[in-house]
PDB file of all heavy atoms in Angstrom:
ATOM      1  N   ASP A   1     -16.842   2.543 -16.095  1.00  0.00           N
ATOM      2  CA  ASP A   1     -16.281   3.858 -16.366  1.00  0.00           C
ATOM      3  C   ASP A   1     -16.953   4.889 -15.458  1.00  0.00           C
ATOM      4  O   ASP A   1     -18.169   5.065 -15.536  1.00  0.00           O
ATOM      5  CB  ASP A   1     -16.501   4.222 -17.831  1.00  0.00           C
ATOM      6  CG  ASP A   1     -15.850   5.543 -18.228  1.00  0.00           C
ATOM      7  OD1 ASP A   1     -15.482   6.346 -17.335  1.00  0.00           O
ATOM      8  OD2 ASP A   1     -15.686   5.766 -19.434  1.00  0.00           O
ATOM      9  N   PRO A   2     -16.215   5.567 -14.582  1.00  0.00           N
ATOM     10  CA  PRO A   2     -16.829   6.530 -13.662  1.00  0.00           C
ATOM     11  C   PRO A   2     -17.704   7.583 -14.360  1.00  0.00           C
ATOM     12  O   PRO A   2     -18.682   8.062 -13.772  1.00  0.00           O
ATOM     13  CB  PRO A   2     -15.619   7.167 -12.941  1.00  0.00           C
ATOM     14  CG  PRO A   2     -14.578   6.137 -13.037  1.00  0.00           C
ATOM     15  CD  PRO A   2     -14.769   5.452 -14.359  1.00  0.00           C
ATOM     16  N   ARG A   3     -17.337   7.924 -15.578  1.00  0.00           N
ATOM     17  CA  ARG A   3     -18.142   8.913 -16.321  1.00  0.00           C
ATOM     18  C   ARG A   3     -19.537   8.408 -16.584  1.00  0.00           C
ATOM     19  O   ARG A   3     -20.503   9.183 -16.657  1.00  0.00           O
ATOM     20  CB  ARG A   3     -17.423   9.281 -17.624  1.00  0.00           C
ATOM     21  CG  ARG A   3     -16.120  10.037 -17.430  1.00  0.00           C
ATOM     22  CD  ARG A   3     -15.375  10.184 -18.729  1.00  0.00           C
ATOM     23  NE  ARG A   3     -14.977   8.876 -19.266  1.00  0.00           N
ATOM     24  CZ  ARG A   3     -14.299   8.698 -20.391  1.00  0.00           C
ATOM     25  NH1 ARG A   3     -13.929   9.743 -21.096  1.00  0.00           N
ATOM     26  NH2 ARG A   3     -13.985   7.488 -20.797  1.00  0.00           N
ATOM     27  N   LYS A   4     -19.675   7.092 -16.763  1.00  0.00           N
ATOM     28  CA  LYS A   4     -21.012   6.542 -17.018  1.00  0.00           C
ATOM     29  C   LYS A   4     -21.835   6.424 -15.716  1.00  0.00           C
ATOM     30  O   LYS A   4     -23.031   6.300 -15.761  1.00  0.00           O
ATOM     31  CB  LYS A   4     -20.877   5.161 -17.652  1.00  0.00           C
ATOM     32  CG  LYS A   4     -20.237   5.191 -19.053  1.00  0.00           C
ATOM     33  CD  LYS A   4     -20.215   3.790 -19.678  1.00  0.00           C
ATOM     34  CE  LYS A   4     -19.576   3.859 -21.065  1.00  0.00           C
ATOM     35  NZ  LYS A   4     -20.375   4.635 -22.035  1.00  0.00           N
ATOM     36  N   LEU A   5     -21.161   6.452 -14.614  1.00  0.00           N
ATOM     37  CA  LEU A   5     -21.824   6.366 -13.313  1.00  0.00           C
ATOM     38  C   LEU A   5     -22.087   7.701 -12.675  1.00  0.00           C
ATOM     39  O   LEU A   5     -22.641   7.782 -11.573  1.00  0.00           O
ATOM     40  CB  LEU A   5     -21.024   5.487 -12.318  1.00  0.00           C
ATOM     41  CG  LEU A   5     -20.854   3.998 -12.710  1.00  0.00           C
ATOM     42  CD1 LEU A   5     -19.956   3.321 -11.671  1.00  0.00           C
ATOM     43  CD2 LEU A   5     -22.226   3.291 -12.763  1.00  0.00           C
ATOM     44  N   ALA A   6     -21.713   8.766 -13.368  1.00  0.00           N
ATOM     45  CA  ALA A   6     -21.811  10.103 -12.784  1.00  0.00           C
ATOM     46  C   ALA A   6     -23.242  10.457 -12.425  1.00  0.00           C
ATOM     47  O   ALA A   6     -23.502  11.209 -11.474  1.00  0.00           O
ATOM     48  CB  ALA A   6     -21.256  11.145 -13.772  1.00  0.00           C
ATOM     49  N   GLY A   7     -24.234   9.917 -13.156  1.00  0.00           N
ATOM     50  CA  GLY A   7     -25.618  10.235 -12.864  1.00  0.00           C
ATOM     51  C   GLY A   7     -26.220   9.408 -11.738  1.00  0.00           C
ATOM     52  O   GLY A   7     -27.382   9.603 -11.406  1.00  0.00           O
ATOM     53  N   ASN A   8     -25.443   8.476 -11.177  1.00  0.00           N
ATOM     54  CA  ASN A   8     -25.906   7.624 -10.080  1.00  0.00           C
ATOM     55  C   ASN A   8     -24.929   7.757  -8.930  1.00  0.00           C
ATOM     56  O   ASN A   8     -24.003   6.942  -8.778  1.00  0.00           O
ATOM     57  CB  ASN A   8     -26.026   6.177 -10.582  1.00  0.00           C
ATOM     58  CG  ASN A   8     -26.812   5.310  -9.619  1.00  0.00           C
ATOM     59  OD1 ASN A   8     -26.885   5.607  -8.437  1.00  0.00           O
ATOM     60  ND2 ASN A   8     -27.395   4.259 -10.110  1.00  0.00           N
ATOM     61  N   PRO A   9     -25.123   8.740  -8.064  1.00  0.00           N
ATOM     62  CA  PRO A   9     -24.131   9.015  -6.992  1.00  0.00           C
ATOM     63  C   PRO A   9     -23.929   7.864  -6.043  1.00  0.00           C
ATOM     64  O   PRO A   9     -22.814   7.668  -5.518  1.00  0.00           O
ATOM     65  CB  PRO A   9     -24.722  10.247  -6.292  1.00  0.00           C
ATOM     66  CG  PRO A   9     -26.171  10.262  -6.638  1.00  0.00           C
ATOM     67  CD  PRO A   9     -26.279   9.687  -8.014  1.00  0.00           C
ATOM     68  N   VAL A  10     -24.958   7.061  -5.783  1.00  0.00           N
ATOM     69  CA  VAL A  10     -24.841   5.967  -4.830  1.00  0.00           C
ATOM     70  C   VAL A  10     -23.869   4.913  -5.374  1.00  0.00           C
ATOM     71  O   VAL A  10     -22.945   4.473  -4.691  1.00  0.00           O
ATOM     72  CB  VAL A  10     -26.191   5.352  -4.546  1.00  0.00           C
ATOM     73  CG1 VAL A  10     -26.046   4.091  -3.680  1.00  0.00           C
ATOM     74  CG2 VAL A  10     -27.116   6.343  -3.842  1.00  0.00           C
ATOM     75  N   ILE A  11     -24.069   4.510  -6.611  1.00  0.00           N
ATOM     76  CA  ILE A  11     -23.201   3.459  -7.180  1.00  0.00           C
ATOM     77  C   ILE A  11     -21.803   4.041  -7.497  1.00  0.00           C
ATOM     78  O   ILE A  11     -20.805   3.318  -7.349  1.00  0.00           O
ATOM     79  CB  ILE A  11     -23.838   2.873  -8.471  1.00  0.00           C
ATOM     80  CG1 ILE A  11     -25.220   2.323  -8.122  1.00  0.00           C
ATOM     81  CG2 ILE A  11     -22.965   1.809  -9.078  1.00  0.00           C
ATOM     82  CD1 ILE A  11     -25.231   1.247  -7.035  1.00  0.00           C
ATOM     83  N   LEU A  12     -21.734   5.298  -7.859  1.00  0.00           N
ATOM     84  CA  LEU A  12     -20.409   5.906  -8.070  1.00  0.00           C
ATOM     85  C   LEU A  12     -19.632   5.914  -6.759  1.00  0.00           C
ATOM     86  O   LEU A  12     -18.413   5.623  -6.732  1.00  0.00           O
ATOM     87  CB  LEU A  12     -20.599   7.341  -8.587  1.00  0.00           C
ATOM     88  CG  LEU A  12     -19.281   8.149  -8.790  1.00  0.00           C
ATOM     89  CD1 LEU A  12     -18.389   7.451  -9.810  1.00  0.00           C
ATOM     90  CD2 LEU A  12     -19.603   9.564  -9.232  1.00  0.00           C
ATOM     91  N   THR A  13     -20.286   6.220  -5.650  1.00  0.00           N
ATOM     92  CA  THR A  13     -19.647   6.211  -4.331  1.00  0.00           C
ATOM     93  C   THR A  13     -19.177   4.781  -4.004  1.00  0.00           C
ATOM     94  O   THR A  13     -18.083   4.583  -3.476  1.00  0.00           O
ATOM     95  CB  THR A  13     -20.630   6.689  -3.247  1.00  0.00           C
ATOM     96  OG1 THR A  13     -21.043   8.028  -3.547  1.00  0.00           O
ATOM     97  CG2 THR A  13     -19.973   6.673  -1.870  1.00  0.00           C
ATOM     98  N   THR A  14     -20.034   3.812  -4.324  1.00  0.00           N
ATOM     99  CA  THR A  14     -19.643   2.417  -4.067  1.00  0.00           C
ATOM    100  C   THR A  14     -18.406   2.037  -4.872  1.00  0.00           C
ATOM    101  O   THR A  14     -17.526   1.346  -4.370  1.00  0.00           O
ATOM    102  CB  THR A  14     -20.805   1.458  -4.462  1.00  0.00           C
ATOM    103  OG1 THR A  14     -21.985   1.856  -3.774  1.00  0.00           O
ATOM    104  CG2 THR A  14     -20.488   0.031  -4.146  1.00  0.00           C
ATOM    105  N   GLU A  15     -18.316   2.501  -6.099  1.00  0.00           N
ATOM    106  CA  GLU A  15     -17.111   2.202  -6.945  1.00  0.00           C
ATOM    107  C   GLU A  15     -15.873   2.850  -6.349  1.00  0.00           C
ATOM    108  O   GLU A  15     -14.800   2.231  -6.344  1.00  0.00           O
ATOM    109  CB  GLU A  15     -17.339   2.661  -8.362  1.00  0.00           C
ATOM    110  CG  GLU A  15     -16.173   2.301  -9.284  1.00  0.00           C
ATOM    111  CD  GLU A  15     -16.446   2.649 -10.732  1.00  0.00           C
ATOM    112  OE1 GLU A  15     -16.765   3.808 -11.001  1.00  0.00           O
ATOM    113  OE2 GLU A  15     -16.284   1.771 -11.598  1.00  0.00           O
ATOM    114  N   ILE A  16     -15.990   4.072  -5.853  1.00  0.00           N
ATOM    115  CA  ILE A  16     -14.874   4.753  -5.271  1.00  0.00           C
ATOM    116  C   ILE A  16     -14.348   3.958  -4.065  1.00  0.00           C
ATOM    117  O   ILE A  16     -13.130   3.766  -3.890  1.00  0.00           O
ATOM    118  CB  ILE A  16     -15.240   6.210  -4.874  1.00  0.00           C
ATOM    119  CG1 ILE A  16     -15.506   7.019  -6.158  1.00  0.00           C
ATOM    120  CG2 ILE A  16     -14.124   6.829  -4.043  1.00  0.00           C
ATOM    121  CD1 ILE A  16     -16.091   8.399  -5.854  1.00  0.00           C
ATOM    122  N   VAL A  17     -15.295   3.518  -3.217  1.00  0.00           N
ATOM    123  CA  VAL A  17     -14.885   2.733  -2.029  1.00  0.00           C
ATOM    124  C   VAL A  17     -14.258   1.407  -2.482  1.00  0.00           C
ATOM    125  O   VAL A  17     -13.313   0.892  -1.860  1.00  0.00           O
ATOM    126  CB  VAL A  17     -16.095   2.497  -1.111  1.00  0.00           C
ATOM    127  CG1 VAL A  17     -15.732   1.556   0.032  1.00  0.00           C
ATOM    128  CG2 VAL A  17     -16.610   3.817  -0.572  1.00  0.00           C
ATOM    129  N   ALA A  18     -14.811   0.808  -3.557  1.00  0.00           N
ATOM    130  CA  ALA A  18     -14.241  -0.454  -4.073  1.00  0.00           C
ATOM    131  C   ALA A  18     -12.829  -0.228  -4.545  1.00  0.00           C
ATOM    132  O   ALA A  18     -11.934  -1.110  -4.337  1.00  0.00           O
ATOM    133  CB  ALA A  18     -15.119  -0.987  -5.219  1.00  0.00           C
ATOM    134  N   ILE A  19     -12.552   0.887  -5.197  1.00  0.00           N
ATOM    135  CA  ILE A  19     -11.196   1.188  -5.653  1.00  0.00           C
ATOM    136  C   ILE A  19     -10.256   1.333  -4.431  1.00  0.00           C
ATOM    137  O   ILE A  19      -9.131   0.795  -4.445  1.00  0.00           O
ATOM    138  CB  ILE A  19     -11.200   2.521  -6.474  1.00  0.00           C
ATOM    139  CG1 ILE A  19     -11.946   2.275  -7.796  1.00  0.00           C
ATOM    140  CG2 ILE A  19      -9.767   2.979  -6.775  1.00  0.00           C
ATOM    141  CD1 ILE A  19     -12.154   3.564  -8.606  1.00  0.00           C
ATOM    142  N   LEU A  20     -10.709   2.041  -3.438  1.00  0.00           N
ATOM    143  CA  LEU A  20      -9.884   2.219  -2.219  1.00  0.00           C
ATOM    144  C   LEU A  20      -9.659   0.882  -1.551  1.00  0.00           C
ATOM    145  O   LEU A  20      -8.549   0.605  -1.044  1.00  0.00           O
ATOM    146  CB  LEU A  20     -10.570   3.182  -1.251  1.00  0.00           C
ATOM    147  CG  LEU A  20     -10.722   4.639  -1.752  1.00  0.00           C
ATOM    148  CD1 LEU A  20     -11.517   5.465  -0.748  1.00  0.00           C
ATOM    149  CD2 LEU A  20      -9.347   5.257  -1.986  1.00  0.00           C
ATOM    150  N   ALA A  21     -10.699   0.021  -1.514  1.00  0.00           N
ATOM    151  CA  ALA A  21     -10.524  -1.310  -0.892  1.00  0.00           C
ATOM    152  C   ALA A  21      -9.524  -2.143  -1.699  1.00  0.00           C
ATOM    153  O   ALA A  21      -8.752  -2.924  -1.119  1.00  0.00           O
ATOM    154  CB  ALA A  21     -11.889  -2.024  -0.835  1.00  0.00           C
ATOM    155  N   THR A  22      -9.575  -2.018  -3.017  1.00  0.00           N
ATOM    156  CA  THR A  22      -8.627  -2.768  -3.859  1.00  0.00           C
ATOM    157  C   THR A  22      -7.188  -2.305  -3.582  1.00  0.00           C
ATOM    158  O   THR A  22      -6.264  -3.125  -3.471  1.00  0.00           O
ATOM    159  CB  THR A  22      -8.973  -2.565  -5.347  1.00  0.00           C
ATOM    160  OG1 THR A  22     -10.329  -2.949  -5.569  1.00  0.00           O
ATOM    161  CG2 THR A  22      -8.047  -3.370  -6.238  1.00  0.00           C
ATOM    162  N   LEU A  23      -6.984  -0.977  -3.472  1.00  0.00           N
ATOM    163  CA  LEU A  23      -5.673  -0.465  -3.137  1.00  0.00           C
ATOM    164  C   LEU A  23      -5.221  -0.933  -1.785  1.00  0.00           C
ATOM    165  O   LEU A  23      -4.012  -1.270  -1.592  1.00  0.00           O
ATOM    166  CB  LEU A  23      -5.716   1.076  -3.203  1.00  0.00           C
ATOM    167  CG  LEU A  23      -5.956   1.690  -4.587  1.00  0.00           C
ATOM    168  CD1 LEU A  23      -6.078   3.213  -4.470  1.00  0.00           C
ATOM    169  CD2 LEU A  23      -4.827   1.318  -5.557  1.00  0.00           C
ATOM    170  N   SER A  24      -6.123  -1.003  -0.853  1.00  0.00           N
ATOM    171  CA  SER A  24      -5.796  -1.452   0.515  1.00  0.00           C
ATOM    172  C   SER A  24      -5.374  -2.924   0.489  1.00  0.00           C
ATOM    173  O   SER A  24      -4.409  -3.310   1.149  1.00  0.00           O
ATOM    174  CB  SER A  24      -7.009  -1.268   1.428  1.00  0.00           C
ATOM    175  OG  SER A  24      -6.756  -1.767   2.736  1.00  0.00           O
ATOM    176  N   ALA A  25      -6.083  -3.739  -0.304  1.00  0.00           N
ATOM    177  CA  ALA A  25      -5.735  -5.146  -0.422  1.00  0.00           C
ATOM    178  C   ALA A  25      -4.384  -5.298  -1.065  1.00  0.00           C
ATOM    179  O   ALA A  25      -3.537  -6.111  -0.657  1.00  0.00           O
ATOM    180  CB  ALA A  25      -6.805  -5.880  -1.223  1.00  0.00           C
ATOM    181  N   GLY A  26      -4.166  -4.484  -2.127  1.00  0.00           N
ATOM    182  CA  GLY A  26      -2.830  -4.551  -2.788  1.00  0.00           C
ATOM    183  C   GLY A  26      -1.731  -4.163  -1.866  1.00  0.00           C
ATOM    184  O   GLY A  26      -0.633  -4.776  -1.860  1.00  0.00           O
ATOM    185  N   LEU A  27      -1.938  -3.160  -1.021  1.00  0.00           N
ATOM    186  CA  LEU A  27      -0.939  -2.690  -0.069  1.00  0.00           C
ATOM    187  C   LEU A  27      -0.646  -3.793   0.972  1.00  0.00           C
ATOM    188  O   LEU A  27       0.507  -4.023   1.342  1.00  0.00           O
ATOM    189  CB  LEU A  27      -1.400  -1.408   0.624  1.00  0.00           C
ATOM    190  CG  LEU A  27      -0.426  -0.767   1.631  1.00  0.00           C
ATOM    191  CD1 LEU A  27       0.844  -0.393   0.916  1.00  0.00           C
ATOM    192  CD2 LEU A  27      -1.072   0.443   2.278  1.00  0.00           C
ATOM    193  N   ALA A  28      -1.728  -4.482   1.422  1.00  0.00           N
ATOM    194  CA  ALA A  28      -1.541  -5.540   2.389  1.00  0.00           C
ATOM    195  C   ALA A  28      -0.713  -6.675   1.818  1.00  0.00           C
ATOM    196  O   ALA A  28       0.145  -7.260   2.501  1.00  0.00           O
ATOM    197  CB  ALA A  28      -2.909  -6.041   2.844  1.00  0.00           C
ATOM    198  N   ILE A  29      -0.966  -6.988   0.533  1.00  0.00           N
ATOM    199  CA  ILE A  29      -0.176  -8.045  -0.128  1.00  0.00           C
ATOM    200  C   ILE A  29       1.282  -7.646  -0.241  1.00  0.00           C
ATOM    201  O   ILE A  29       2.181  -8.442  -0.009  1.00  0.00           O
ATOM    202  CB  ILE A  29      -0.800  -8.367  -1.502  1.00  0.00           C
ATOM    203  CG1 ILE A  29      -2.196  -8.967  -1.361  1.00  0.00           C
ATOM    204  CG2 ILE A  29       0.122  -9.321  -2.300  1.00  0.00           C
ATOM    205  CD1 ILE A  29      -2.918  -9.158  -2.654  1.00  0.00           C
TER     206      ILE A  29
END
């Protein structure tokens, strides 16, 4: 849950990039 990661900007940023990568993979499929 992004709200639980709000206090850890590094891991929150990693999750955002993971979401974008997932969308990119879905688009490629």
